[in-house]
Amino acid sequence: MWTSKAWRIKEMLRWVRKATSMRGAQWRLTNFINIAMELVADIGLLKPVRKALKTVKTHRDAILARWASGLNNARIEAPGGIFQAAKCRARGYRNDDTFISMIYLLAARVQNLLKST
């Protein structure tokens, strides 16, 4: 029963993210916070969810700024994934140059490597 409530909250948050306009996002986010708080109001096991909802409520304006700016953090997160992959592949090497080389090999486009030879 509580798992289904947590799942419903997650799906509602996904619904908020699909808003196409700022006004729609404001309405969806307000709806999301109100309904989600009602769902977890008296359940002690979902206290972390309640804390997360309070954080969403606190940072509401910053969350809505995403629709105003149209920017996201994908360009910042992408290199992090490349670094993690390089770290896994370069495991056991003690040389920093090897790690850096692995990052270059993973991040470079094959077409660019072929043109340079």
PDB file of N, CA and C in Angstrom:
ATOM      1  N   MET A   1       0.822  -1.197   0.000  1.00  0.00           N
ATOM      2  CA  MET A   1       0.000   0.000   0.000  1.00  0.00           C
ATOM      3  C   MET A   1       0.868   1.265   0.000  1.00  0.00           C
ATOM      4  N   TRP A   2       1.890   1.274   0.867  1.00  0.00           N
ATOM      5  CA  TRP A   2       2.746   2.456   0.929  1.00  0.00           C
ATOM      6  C   TRP A   2       3.646   2.547  -0.292  1.00  0.00           C
ATOM      7  N   THR A   3       4.028   1.406  -0.803  1.00  0.00           N
ATOM      8  CA  THR A   3       4.838   1.398  -2.020  1.00  0.00           C
ATOM      9  C   THR A   3       4.052   1.989  -3.183  1.00  0.00           C
ATOM     10  N   SER A   4       2.780   1.681  -3.229  1.00  0.00           N
ATOM     11  CA  SER A   4       1.956   2.228  -4.320  1.00  0.00           C
ATOM     12  C   SER A   4       1.817   3.737  -4.194  1.00  0.00           C
ATOM     13  N   LYS A   5       1.770   4.245  -2.975  1.00  0.00           N
ATOM     14  CA  LYS A   5       1.696   5.707  -2.798  1.00  0.00           C
ATOM     15  C   LYS A   5       2.996   6.366  -3.233  1.00  0.00           C
ATOM     16  N   ALA A   6       4.123   5.764  -2.872  1.00  0.00           N
ATOM     17  CA  ALA A   6       5.415   6.310  -3.290  1.00  0.00           C
ATOM     18  C   ALA A   6       5.553   6.260  -4.807  1.00  0.00           C
ATOM     19  N   TRP A   7       5.084   5.171  -5.432  1.00  0.00           N
ATOM     20  CA  TRP A   7       5.128   5.052  -6.880  1.00  0.00           C
ATOM     21  C   TRP A   7       4.249   6.118  -7.537  1.00  0.00           C
ATOM     22  N   ARG A   8       3.088   6.356  -6.960  1.00  0.00           N
ATOM     23  CA  ARG A   8       2.173   7.372  -7.505  1.00  0.00           C
ATOM     24  C   ARG A   8       2.815   8.754  -7.438  1.00  0.00           C
ATOM     25  N   ILE A   9       3.519   9.038  -6.354  1.00  0.00           N
ATOM     26  CA  ILE A   9       4.207  10.330  -6.216  1.00  0.00           C
ATOM     27  C   ILE A   9       5.291  10.453  -7.287  1.00  0.00           C
ATOM     28  N   LYS A  10       6.046   9.387  -7.510  1.00  0.00           N
ATOM     29  CA  LYS A  10       7.085   9.403  -8.540  1.00  0.00           C
ATOM     30  C   LYS A  10       6.486   9.661  -9.921  1.00  0.00           C
ATOM     31  N   GLU A  11       5.380   9.009 -10.204  1.00  0.00           N
ATOM     32  CA  GLU A  11       4.731   9.194 -11.504  1.00  0.00           C
ATOM     33  C   GLU A  11       4.161  10.606 -11.650  1.00  0.00           C
ATOM     34  N   MET A  12       3.680  11.174 -10.567  1.00  0.00           N
ATOM     35  CA  MET A  12       3.175  12.549 -10.615  1.00  0.00           C
ATOM     36  C   MET A  12       4.313  13.523 -10.898  1.00  0.00           C
ATOM     37  N   LEU A  13       5.477  13.257 -10.319  1.00  0.00           N
ATOM     38  CA  LEU A  13       6.630  14.123 -10.585  1.00  0.00           C
ATOM     39  C   LEU A  13       7.041  14.021 -12.051  1.00  0.00           C
ATOM     40  N   ARG A  14       6.965  12.838 -12.610  1.00  0.00           N
ATOM     41  CA  ARG A  14       7.237  12.668 -14.037  1.00  0.00           C
ATOM     42  C   ARG A  14       6.246  13.481 -14.870  1.00  0.00           C
ATOM     43  N   TRP A  15       4.987  13.511 -14.418  1.00  0.00           N
ATOM     44  CA  TRP A  15       3.934  14.284 -15.078  1.00  0.00           C
ATOM     45  C   TRP A  15       4.274  15.774 -15.039  1.00  0.00           C
ATOM     46  N   VAL A  16       4.815  16.249 -13.920  1.00  0.00           N
ATOM     47  CA  VAL A  16       5.209  17.661 -13.809  1.00  0.00           C
ATOM     48  C   VAL A  16       6.296  17.969 -14.833  1.00  0.00           C
ATOM     49  N   ARG A  17       7.263  17.083 -14.964  1.00  0.00           N
ATOM     50  CA  ARG A  17       8.377  17.319 -15.882  1.00  0.00           C
ATOM     51  C   ARG A  17       7.943  17.384 -17.335  1.00  0.00           C
ATOM     52  N   LYS A  18       6.802  16.804 -17.676  1.00  0.00           N
ATOM     53  CA  LYS A  18       6.330  16.805 -19.064  1.00  0.00           C
ATOM     54  C   LYS A  18       5.580  18.075 -19.446  1.00  0.00           C
ATOM     55  N   ALA A  19       5.450  19.011 -18.532  1.00  0.00           N
ATOM     56  CA  ALA A  19       4.744  20.256 -18.837  1.00  0.00           C
ATOM     57  C   ALA A  19       5.468  20.995 -19.959  1.00  0.00           C
ATOM     58  N   THR A  20       4.694  21.585 -20.861  1.00  0.00           N
ATOM     59  CA  THR A  20       5.293  22.254 -22.014  1.00  0.00           C
ATOM     60  C   THR A  20       5.421  23.767 -21.842  1.00  0.00           C
ATOM     61  N   SER A  21       4.735  24.321 -20.864  1.00  0.00           N
ATOM     62  CA  SER A  21       4.809  25.770 -20.665  1.00  0.00           C
ATOM     63  C   SER A  21       5.041  26.077 -19.187  1.00  0.00           C
ATOM     64  N   MET A  22       5.454  27.294 -18.934  1.00  0.00           N
ATOM     65  CA  MET A  22       5.706  27.737 -17.562  1.00  0.00           C
ATOM     66  C   MET A  22       4.418  27.699 -16.740  1.00  0.00           C
ATOM     67  N   ARG A  23       3.345  28.173 -17.330  1.00  0.00           N
ATOM     68  CA  ARG A  23       2.071  28.215 -16.611  1.00  0.00           C
ATOM     69  C   ARG A  23       1.579  26.798 -16.272  1.00  0.00           C
ATOM     70  N   GLY A  24       1.707  25.900 -17.235  1.00  0.00           N
ATOM     71  CA  GLY A  24       1.337  24.513 -16.997  1.00  0.00           C
ATOM     72  C   GLY A  24       2.200  23.870 -15.924  1.00  0.00           C
ATOM     73  N   ALA A  25       3.490  24.198 -15.943  1.00  0.00           N
ATOM     74  CA  ALA A  25       4.416  23.666 -14.937  1.00  0.00           C
ATOM     75  C   ALA A  25       4.058  24.180 -13.543  1.00  0.00           C
ATOM     76  N   GLN A  26       3.710  25.453 -13.441  1.00  0.00           N
ATOM     77  CA  GLN A  26       3.313  26.006 -12.142  1.00  0.00           C
ATOM     78  C   GLN A  26       2.094  25.276 -11.601  1.00  0.00           C
ATOM     79  N   TRP A  27       1.103  25.090 -12.447  1.00  0.00           N
ATOM     80  CA  TRP A  27      -0.114  24.415 -12.015  1.00  0.00           C
ATOM     81  C   TRP A  27       0.175  22.969 -11.622  1.00  0.00           C
ATOM     82  N   ARG A  28       0.946  22.277 -12.456  1.00  0.00           N
ATOM     83  CA  ARG A  28       1.255  20.876 -12.169  1.00  0.00           C
ATOM     84  C   ARG A  28       2.093  20.725 -10.901  1.00  0.00           C
ATOM     85  N   LEU A  29       3.062  21.613 -10.706  1.00  0.00           N
ATOM     86  CA  LEU A  29       3.912  21.523  -9.516  1.00  0.00           C
ATOM     87  C   LEU A  29       3.115  21.791  -8.248  1.00  0.00           C
ATOM     88  N   THR A  30       2.245  22.781  -8.282  1.00  0.00           N
ATOM     89  CA  THR A  30       1.390  23.067  -7.123  1.00  0.00           C
ATOM     90  C   THR A  30       0.481  21.873  -6.833  1.00  0.00           C
ATOM     91  N   ASN A  31      -0.136  21.329  -7.868  1.00  0.00           N
ATOM     92  CA  ASN A  31      -0.977  20.143  -7.715  1.00  0.00           C
ATOM     93  C   ASN A  31      -0.182  18.978  -7.140  1.00  0.00           C
ATOM     94  N   PHE A  32       1.011  18.767  -7.688  1.00  0.00           N
ATOM     95  CA  PHE A  32       1.868  17.678  -7.240  1.00  0.00           C
ATOM     96  C   PHE A  32       2.181  17.793  -5.751  1.00  0.00           C
ATOM     97  N   ILE A  33       2.613  18.970  -5.328  1.00  0.00           N
ATOM     98  CA  ILE A  33       2.979  19.162  -3.915  1.00  0.00           C
ATOM     99  C   ILE A  33       1.780  18.928  -3.010  1.00  0.00           C
ATOM    100  N   ASN A  34       0.635  19.483  -3.356  1.00  0.00           N
ATOM    101  CA  ASN A  34      -0.556  19.339  -2.511  1.00  0.00           C
ATOM    102  C   ASN A  34      -1.009  17.886  -2.392  1.00  0.00           C
ATOM    103  N   ILE A  35      -1.114  17.207  -3.517  1.00  0.00           N
ATOM    104  CA  ILE A  35      -1.595  15.820  -3.499  1.00  0.00           C
ATOM    105  C   ILE A  35      -0.578  14.895  -2.838  1.00  0.00           C
ATOM    106  N   ALA A  36       0.703  15.087  -3.149  1.00  0.00           N
ATOM    107  CA  ALA A  36       1.733  14.226  -2.573  1.00  0.00           C
ATOM    108  C   ALA A  36       1.818  14.396  -1.061  1.00  0.00           C
ATOM    109  N   MET A  37       1.684  15.627  -0.578  1.00  0.00           N
ATOM    110  CA  MET A  37       1.719  15.849   0.875  1.00  0.00           C
ATOM    111  C   MET A  37       0.542  15.160   1.554  1.00  0.00           C
ATOM    112  N   GLU A  38      -0.606  15.158   0.907  1.00  0.00           N
ATOM    113  CA  GLU A  38      -1.761  14.445   1.466  1.00  0.00           C
ATOM    114  C   GLU A  38      -1.513  12.941   1.509  1.00  0.00           C
ATOM    115  N   LEU A  39      -0.868  12.414   0.480  1.00  0.00           N
ATOM    116  CA  LEU A  39      -0.629  10.974   0.409  1.00  0.00           C
ATOM    117  C   LEU A  39       0.312  10.476   1.513  1.00  0.00           C
ATOM    118  N   VAL A  40       1.309  11.283   1.880  1.00  0.00           N
ATOM    119  CA  VAL A  40       2.301  10.835   2.865  1.00  0.00           C
ATOM    120  C   VAL A  40       2.116  11.463   4.239  1.00  0.00           C
ATOM    121  N   ALA A  41       1.039  12.191   4.437  1.00  0.00           N
ATOM    122  CA  ALA A  41       0.861  12.967   5.669  1.00  0.00           C
ATOM    123  C   ALA A  41       0.959  12.136   6.940  1.00  0.00           C
ATOM    124  N   ASP A  42       0.365  10.968   6.985  1.00  0.00           N
ATOM    125  CA  ASP A  42       0.301  10.217   8.228  1.00  0.00           C
ATOM    126  C   ASP A  42       1.100   8.913   8.209  1.00  0.00           C
ATOM    127  N   ILE A  43       1.954   8.729   7.248  1.00  0.00           N
ATOM    128  CA  ILE A  43       2.717   7.486   7.138  1.00  0.00           C
ATOM    129  C   ILE A  43       4.150   7.729   7.584  1.00  0.00           C
ATOM    130  N   GLY A  44       4.515   7.131   8.697  1.00  0.00           N
ATOM    131  CA  GLY A  44       5.857   7.316   9.245  1.00  0.00           C
ATOM    132  C   GLY A  44       6.951   6.742   8.373  1.00  0.00           C
ATOM    133  N   LEU A  45       6.642   5.651   7.681  1.00  0.00           N
ATOM    134  CA  LEU A  45       7.631   4.996   6.829  1.00  0.00           C
ATOM    135  C   LEU A  45       8.025   5.876   5.639  1.00  0.00           C
ATOM    136  N   LEU A  46       7.151   6.767   5.233  1.00  0.00           N
ATOM    137  CA  LEU A  46       7.429   7.649   4.094  1.00  0.00           C
ATOM    138  C   LEU A  46       7.947   9.015   4.529  1.00  0.00           C
ATOM    139  N   LYS A  47       8.552   9.074   5.699  1.00  0.00           N
ATOM    140  CA  LYS A  47       9.117  10.336   6.189  1.00  0.00           C
ATOM    141  C   LYS A  47      10.178  10.902   5.234  1.00  0.00           C
ATOM    142  N   PRO A  48      11.062  10.076   4.652  1.00  0.00           N
ATOM    143  CA  PRO A  48      12.017  10.630   3.679  1.00  0.00           C
ATOM    144  C   PRO A  48      11.338  11.264   2.466  1.00  0.00           C
ATOM    145  N   VAL A  49      10.227  10.699   2.043  1.00  0.00           N
ATOM    146  CA  VAL A  49       9.481  11.274   0.918  1.00  0.00           C
ATOM    147  C   VAL A  49       8.911  12.630   1.323  1.00  0.00           C
ATOM    148  N   ARG A  50       8.409  12.709   2.542  1.00  0.00           N
ATOM    149  CA  ARG A  50       7.878  13.973   3.047  1.00  0.00           C
ATOM    150  C   ARG A  50       8.977  15.037   3.085  1.00  0.00           C
ATOM    151  N   LYS A  51      10.186  14.631   3.502  1.00  0.00           N
ATOM    152  CA  LYS A  51      11.321  15.565   3.538  1.00  0.00           C
ATOM    153  C   LYS A  51      11.675  16.034   2.122  1.00  0.00           C
ATOM    154  N   ALA A  52      11.650  15.103   1.163  1.00  0.00           N
ATOM    155  CA  ALA A  52      11.939  15.471  -0.227  1.00  0.00           C
ATOM    156  C   ALA A  52      10.886  16.437  -0.769  1.00  0.00           C
ATOM    157  N   LEU A  53       9.632  16.227  -0.406  1.00  0.00           N
ATOM    158  CA  LEU A  53       8.566  17.127  -0.849  1.00  0.00           C
ATOM    159  C   LEU A  53       8.742  18.527  -0.270  1.00  0.00           C
ATOM    160  N   LYS A  54       9.194  18.608   0.971  1.00  0.00           N
ATOM    161  CA  LYS A  54       9.461  19.925   1.563  1.00  0.00           C
ATOM    162  C   LYS A  54      10.596  20.622   0.820  1.00  0.00           C
ATOM    163  N   THR A  55      11.592  19.850   0.390  1.00  0.00           N
ATOM    164  CA  THR A  55      12.688  20.418  -0.389  1.00  0.00           C
ATOM    165  C   THR A  55      12.180  20.939  -1.728  1.00  0.00           C
ATOM    166  N   VAL A  56      11.308  20.176  -2.374  1.00  0.00           N
ATOM    167  CA  VAL A  56      10.716  20.621  -3.642  1.00  0.00           C
ATOM    168  C   VAL A  56       9.928  21.905  -3.429  1.00  0.00           C
ATOM    169  N   LYS A  57       9.183  21.951  -2.337  1.00  0.00           N
ATOM    170  CA  LYS A  57       8.384  23.146  -2.036  1.00  0.00           C
ATOM    171  C   LYS A  57       9.283  24.353  -1.791  1.00  0.00           C
ATOM    172  N   THR A  58      10.399  24.133  -1.085  1.00  0.00           N
ATOM    173  CA  THR A  58      11.340  25.219  -0.792  1.00  0.00           C
ATOM    174  C   THR A  58      11.974  25.767  -2.072  1.00  0.00           C
ATOM    175  N   HIS A  59      12.310  24.881  -2.987  1.00  0.00           N
ATOM    176  CA  HIS A  59      13.012  25.278  -4.205  1.00  0.00           C
ATOM    177  C   HIS A  59      12.082  25.381  -5.415  1.00  0.00           C
ATOM    178  N   ARG A  60      10.839  25.616  -5.170  1.00  0.00           N
ATOM    179  CA  ARG A  60       9.814  25.676  -6.216  1.00  0.00           C
ATOM    180  C   ARG A  60      10.176  26.654  -7.326  1.00  0.00           C
ATOM    181  N   ASP A  61      10.593  27.855  -6.957  1.00  0.00           N
ATOM    182  CA  ASP A  61      10.914  28.871  -7.963  1.00  0.00           C
ATOM    183  C   ASP A  61      12.104  28.457  -8.831  1.00  0.00           C
ATOM    184  N   ALA A  62      13.103  27.843  -8.211  1.00  0.00           N
ATOM    185  CA  ALA A  62      14.263  27.382  -8.979  1.00  0.00           C
ATOM    186  C   ALA A  62      13.874  26.248  -9.920  1.00  0.00           C
ATOM    187  N   ILE A  63      12.986  25.392  -9.489  1.00  0.00           N
ATOM    188  CA  ILE A  63      12.517  24.301 -10.342  1.00  0.00           C
ATOM    189  C   ILE A  63      11.755  24.860 -11.528  1.00  0.00           C
ATOM    190  N   LEU A  64      10.921  25.850 -11.277  1.00  0.00           N
ATOM    191  CA  LEU A  64      10.136  26.454 -12.361  1.00  0.00           C
ATOM    192  C   LEU A  64      11.001  27.258 -13.326  1.00  0.00           C
ATOM    193  N   ALA A  65      12.171  27.681 -12.879  1.00  0.00           N
ATOM    194  CA  ALA A  65      13.071  28.445 -13.746  1.00  0.00           C
ATOM    195  C   ALA A  65      13.524  27.609 -14.944  1.00  0.00           C
ATOM    196  N   ARG A  66      13.451  26.310 -14.824  1.00  0.00           N
ATOM    197  CA  ARG A  66      13.812  25.424 -15.934  1.00  0.00           C
ATOM    198  C   ARG A  66      12.957  25.710 -17.159  1.00  0.00           C
ATOM    199  N   TRP A  67      11.690  25.990 -16.953  1.00  0.00           N
ATOM    200  CA  TRP A  67      10.801  26.257 -18.081  1.00  0.00           C
ATOM    201  C   TRP A  67      11.034  27.649 -18.649  1.00  0.00           C
ATOM    202  N   ALA A  68      11.492  28.570 -17.828  1.00  0.00           N
ATOM    203  CA  ALA A  68      11.755  29.926 -18.303  1.00  0.00           C
ATOM    204  C   ALA A  68      13.047  29.974 -19.114  1.00  0.00           C
ATOM    205  N   SER A  69      14.073  29.256 -18.653  1.00  0.00           N
ATOM    206  CA  SER A  69      15.369  29.329 -19.320  1.00  0.00           C
ATOM    207  C   SER A  69      15.515  28.316 -20.446  1.00  0.00           C
ATOM    208  N   GLY A  70      14.888  27.166 -20.304  1.00  0.00           N
ATOM    209  CA  GLY A  70      15.026  26.123 -21.305  1.00  0.00           C
ATOM    210  C   GLY A  70      16.337  25.361 -21.208  1.00  0.00           C
ATOM    211  N   LEU A  71      17.143  25.671 -20.198  1.00  0.00           N
ATOM    212  CA  LEU A  71      18.436  25.009 -20.019  1.00  0.00           C
ATOM    213  C   LEU A  71      18.291  23.796 -19.109  1.00  0.00           C
ATOM    214  N   ASN A  72      19.226  22.866 -19.235  1.00  0.00           N
ATOM    215  CA  ASN A  72      19.298  21.749 -18.310  1.00  0.00           C
ATOM    216  C   ASN A  72      20.760  21.415 -18.054  1.00  0.00           C
ATOM    217  N   ASN A  73      21.018  20.429 -17.232  1.00  0.00           N
ATOM    218  CA  ASN A  73      22.392  20.124 -16.858  1.00  0.00           C
ATOM    219  C   ASN A  73      22.970  18.937 -17.636  1.00  0.00           C
ATOM    220  N   ALA A  74      22.410  18.605 -18.763  1.00  0.00           N
ATOM    221  CA  ALA A  74      22.865  17.451 -19.531  1.00  0.00           C
ATOM    222  C   ALA A  74      24.313  17.614 -19.993  1.00  0.00           C
ATOM    223  N   ARG A  75      24.704  18.806 -20.393  1.00  0.00           N
ATOM    224  CA  ARG A  75      26.075  19.016 -20.870  1.00  0.00           C
ATOM    225  C   ARG A  75      27.089  18.908 -19.743  1.00  0.00           C
ATOM    226  N   ILE A  76      26.640  19.114 -18.524  1.00  0.00           N
ATOM    227  CA  ILE A  76      27.539  18.970 -17.377  1.00  0.00           C
ATOM    228  C   ILE A  76      27.607  17.514 -16.939  1.00  0.00           C
ATOM    229  N   GLU A  77      26.492  16.812 -17.016  1.00  0.00           N
ATOM    230  CA  GLU A  77      26.436  15.417 -16.578  1.00  0.00           C
ATOM    231  C   GLU A  77      27.117  14.463 -17.551  1.00  0.00           C
ATOM    232  N   ALA A  78      27.114  14.759 -18.822  1.00  0.00           N
ATOM    233  CA  ALA A  78      27.674  13.849 -19.825  1.00  0.00           C
ATOM    234  C   ALA A  78      29.157  13.549 -19.585  1.00  0.00           C
ATOM    235  N   PRO A  79      30.003  14.553 -19.347  1.00  0.00           N
ATOM    236  CA  PRO A  79      31.401  14.226 -19.072  1.00  0.00           C
ATOM    237  C   PRO A  79      31.581  13.369 -17.810  1.00  0.00           C
ATOM    238  N   GLY A  80      30.695  13.531 -16.846  1.00  0.00           N
ATOM    239  CA  GLY A  80      30.784  12.710 -15.639  1.00  0.00           C
ATOM    240  C   GLY A  80      30.644  11.238 -15.954  1.00  0.00           C
ATOM    241  N   GLY A  81      29.752  10.905 -16.882  1.00  0.00           N
ATOM    242  CA  GLY A  81      29.587   9.520 -17.300  1.00  0.00           C
ATOM    243  C   GLY A  81      30.823   8.999 -18.018  1.00  0.00           C
ATOM    244  N   ILE A  82      31.442   9.868 -18.815  1.00  0.00           N
ATOM    245  CA  ILE A  82      32.664   9.473 -19.525  1.00  0.00           C
ATOM    246  C   ILE A  82      33.788   9.228 -18.526  1.00  0.00           C
ATOM    247  N   PHE A  83      33.900  10.080 -17.507  1.00  0.00           N
ATOM    248  CA  PHE A  83      34.934   9.892 -16.490  1.00  0.00           C
ATOM    249  C   PHE A  83      34.730   8.589 -15.728  1.00  0.00           C
ATOM    250  N   GLN A  84      33.464   8.271 -15.416  1.00  0.00           N
ATOM    251  CA  GLN A  84      33.180   7.017 -14.704  1.00  0.00           C
ATOM    252  C   GLN A  84      33.548   5.812 -15.562  1.00  0.00           C
ATOM    253  N   ALA A  85      33.227   5.862 -16.839  1.00  0.00           N
ATOM    254  CA  ALA A  85      33.569   4.750 -17.731  1.00  0.00           C
ATOM    255  C   ALA A  85      35.086   4.595 -17.842  1.00  0.00           C
ATOM    256  N   ALA A  86      35.789   5.713 -17.945  1.00  0.00           N
ATOM    257  CA  ALA A  86      37.253   5.659 -18.038  1.00  0.00           C
ATOM    258  C   ALA A  86      37.854   5.115 -16.751  1.00  0.00           C
ATOM    259  N   LYS A  87      37.271   5.483 -15.629  1.00  0.00           N
ATOM    260  CA  LYS A  87      37.766   5.003 -14.343  1.00  0.00           C
ATOM    261  C   LYS A  87      37.627   3.488 -14.250  1.00  0.00           C
ATOM    262  N   CYS A  88      36.517   2.962 -14.743  1.00  0.00           N
ATOM    263  CA  CYS A  88      36.303   1.508 -14.729  1.00  0.00           C
ATOM    264  C   CYS A  88      37.286   0.801 -15.654  1.00  0.00           C
ATOM    265  N   ARG A  89      37.534   1.366 -16.808  1.00  0.00           N
ATOM    266  CA  ARG A  89      38.416   0.719 -17.787  1.00  0.00           C
ATOM    267  C   ARG A  89      39.883   0.876 -17.434  1.00  0.00           C
ATOM    268  N   ALA A  90      40.246   1.939 -16.759  1.00  0.00           N
ATOM    269  CA  ALA A  90      41.645   2.194 -16.417  1.00  0.00           C
ATOM    270  C   ALA A  90      41.992   1.649 -15.036  1.00  0.00           C
ATOM    271  N   ARG A  91      41.124   0.841 -14.478  1.00  0.00           N
ATOM    272  CA  ARG A  91      41.358   0.282 -13.148  1.00  0.00           C
ATOM    273  C   ARG A  91      42.636  -0.559 -13.159  1.00  0.00           C
ATOM    274  N   GLY A  92      43.451  -0.375 -12.155  1.00  0.00           N
ATOM    275  CA  GLY A  92      44.687  -1.133 -12.054  1.00  0.00           C
ATOM    276  C   GLY A  92      45.890  -0.377 -12.572  1.00  0.00           C
ATOM    277  N   TYR A  93      45.668   0.654 -13.361  1.00  0.00           N
ATOM    278  CA  TYR A  93      46.785   1.455 -13.850  1.00  0.00           C
ATOM    279  C   TYR A  93      47.142   2.496 -12.800  1.00  0.00           C
ATOM    280  N   ARG A  94      48.416   2.719 -12.635  1.00  0.00           N
ATOM    281  CA  ARG A  94      48.864   3.667 -11.603  1.00  0.00           C
ATOM    282  C   ARG A  94      49.318   4.996 -12.197  1.00  0.00           C
ATOM    283  N   ASN A  95      49.152   5.149 -13.455  1.00  0.00           N
ATOM    284  CA  ASN A  95      49.655   6.318 -14.140  1.00  0.00           C
ATOM    285  C   ASN A  95      48.486   7.238 -14.504  1.00  0.00           C
ATOM    286  N   ASP A  96      48.596   8.507 -14.152  1.00  0.00           N
ATOM    287  CA  ASP A  96      47.544   9.475 -14.492  1.00  0.00           C
ATOM    288  C   ASP A  96      47.396   9.656 -16.000  1.00  0.00           C
ATOM    289  N   ASP A  97      48.517   9.532 -16.715  1.00  0.00           N
ATOM    290  CA  ASP A  97      48.468   9.681 -18.170  1.00  0.00           C
ATOM    291  C   ASP A  97      47.594   8.610 -18.816  1.00  0.00           C
ATOM    292  N   THR A  98      47.606   7.415 -18.250  1.00  0.00           N
ATOM    293  CA  THR A  98      46.768   6.330 -18.776  1.00  0.00           C
ATOM    294  C   THR A  98      45.297   6.667 -18.597  1.00  0.00           C
ATOM    295  N   PHE A  99      44.946   7.205 -17.439  1.00  0.00           N
ATOM    296  CA  PHE A  99      43.565   7.600 -17.172  1.00  0.00           C
ATOM    297  C   PHE A  99      43.118   8.698 -18.127  1.00  0.00           C
ATOM    298  N   ILE A 100      43.971   9.679 -18.343  1.00  0.00           N
ATOM    299  CA  ILE A 100      43.651  10.782 -19.256  1.00  0.00           C
ATOM    300  C   ILE A 100      43.517  10.262 -20.683  1.00  0.00           C
ATOM    301  N   SER A 101      44.402   9.348 -21.070  1.00  0.00           N
ATOM    302  CA  SER A 101      44.311   8.755 -22.418  1.00  0.00           C
ATOM    303  C   SER A 101      43.010   7.994 -22.596  1.00  0.00           C
ATOM    304  N   MET A 102      42.598   7.280 -21.549  1.00  0.00           N
ATOM    305  CA  MET A 102      41.349   6.520 -21.620  1.00  0.00           C
ATOM    306  C   MET A 102      40.162   7.468 -21.804  1.00  0.00           C
ATOM    307  N   ILE A 103      40.190   8.617 -21.119  1.00  0.00           N
ATOM    308  CA  ILE A 103      39.113   9.611 -21.269  1.00  0.00           C
ATOM    309  C   ILE A 103      39.077  10.126 -22.708  1.00  0.00           C
ATOM    310  N   TYR A 104      40.240  10.433 -23.272  1.00  0.00           N
ATOM    311  CA  TYR A 104      40.282  10.911 -24.656  1.00  0.00           C
ATOM    312  C   TYR A 104      39.748   9.862 -25.624  1.00  0.00           C
ATOM    313  N   LEU A 105      40.115   8.616 -25.402  1.00  0.00           N
ATOM    314  CA  LEU A 105      39.645   7.559 -26.296  1.00  0.00           C
ATOM    315  C   LEU A 105      38.136   7.360 -26.207  1.00  0.00           C
ATOM    316  N   LEU A 106      37.588   7.498 -25.016  1.00  0.00           N
ATOM    317  CA  LEU A 106      36.147   7.326 -24.853  1.00  0.00           C
ATOM    318  C   LEU A 106      35.357   8.529 -25.356  1.00  0.00           C
ATOM    319  N   ALA A 107      35.900   9.723 -25.181  1.00  0.00           N
ATOM    320  CA  ALA A 107      35.156  10.939 -25.507  1.00  0.00           C
ATOM    321  C   ALA A 107      35.281  11.348 -26.976  1.00  0.00           C
ATOM    322  N   ALA A 108      36.354  10.923 -27.626  1.00  0.00           N
ATOM    323  CA  ALA A 108      36.571  11.347 -29.012  1.00  0.00           C
ATOM    324  C   ALA A 108      35.621  10.619 -29.945  1.00  0.00           C
ATOM    325  N   ARG A 109      35.190  11.283 -30.957  1.00  0.00           N
ATOM    326  CA  ARG A 109      34.382  10.657 -31.990  1.00  0.00           C
ATOM    327  C   ARG A 109      35.292   9.897 -32.920  1.00  0.00           C
ATOM    328  N   VAL A 110      34.865   8.734 -33.335  1.00  0.00           N
ATOM    329  CA  VAL A 110      35.680   7.886 -34.189  1.00  0.00           C
ATOM    330  C   VAL A 110      36.027   8.597 -35.493  1.00  0.00           C
ATOM    331  N   GLN A 111      35.073   9.342 -36.048  1.00  0.00           N
ATOM    332  CA  GLN A 111      35.331  10.031 -37.302  1.00  0.00           C
ATOM    333  C   GLN A 111      36.494  11.003 -37.159  1.00  0.00           C
ATOM    334  N   ASN A 112      36.583  11.692 -36.032  1.00  0.00           N
ATOM    335  CA  ASN A 112      37.656  12.656 -35.825  1.00  0.00           C
ATOM    336  C   ASN A 112      38.992  11.944 -35.679  1.00  0.00           C
ATOM    337  N   LEU A 113      39.008  10.776 -35.059  1.00  0.00           N
ATOM    338  CA  LEU A 113      40.261  10.027 -34.928  1.00  0.00           C
ATOM    339  C   LEU A 113      40.745   9.548 -36.284  1.00  0.00           C
ATOM    340  N   LEU A 114      39.842   9.110 -37.149  1.00  0.00           N
ATOM    341  CA  LEU A 114      40.242   8.606 -38.446  1.00  0.00           C
ATOM    342  C   LEU A 114      40.780   9.717 -39.352  1.00  0.00           C
ATOM    343  N   LYS A 115      40.252  10.918 -39.211  1.00  0.00           N
ATOM    344  CA  LYS A 115      40.710  12.043 -40.036  1.00  0.00           C
ATOM    345  C   LYS A 115      42.100  12.490 -39.631  1.00  0.00           C
ATOM    346  N   SER A 116      42.479  12.282 -38.363  1.00  0.00           N
ATOM    347  CA  SER A 116      43.769  12.778 -37.888  1.00  0.00           C
ATOM    348  C   SER A 116      44.938  11.877 -38.290  1.00  0.00           C
ATOM    349  N   THR A 117      44.650  10.671 -38.799  1.00  0.00           N
ATOM    350  CA  THR A 117      45.757   9.768 -39.157  1.00  0.00           C
ATOM    351  C   THR A 117      46.162   9.903 -40.592  1.00  0.00           C
TER     352      THR A 117
END
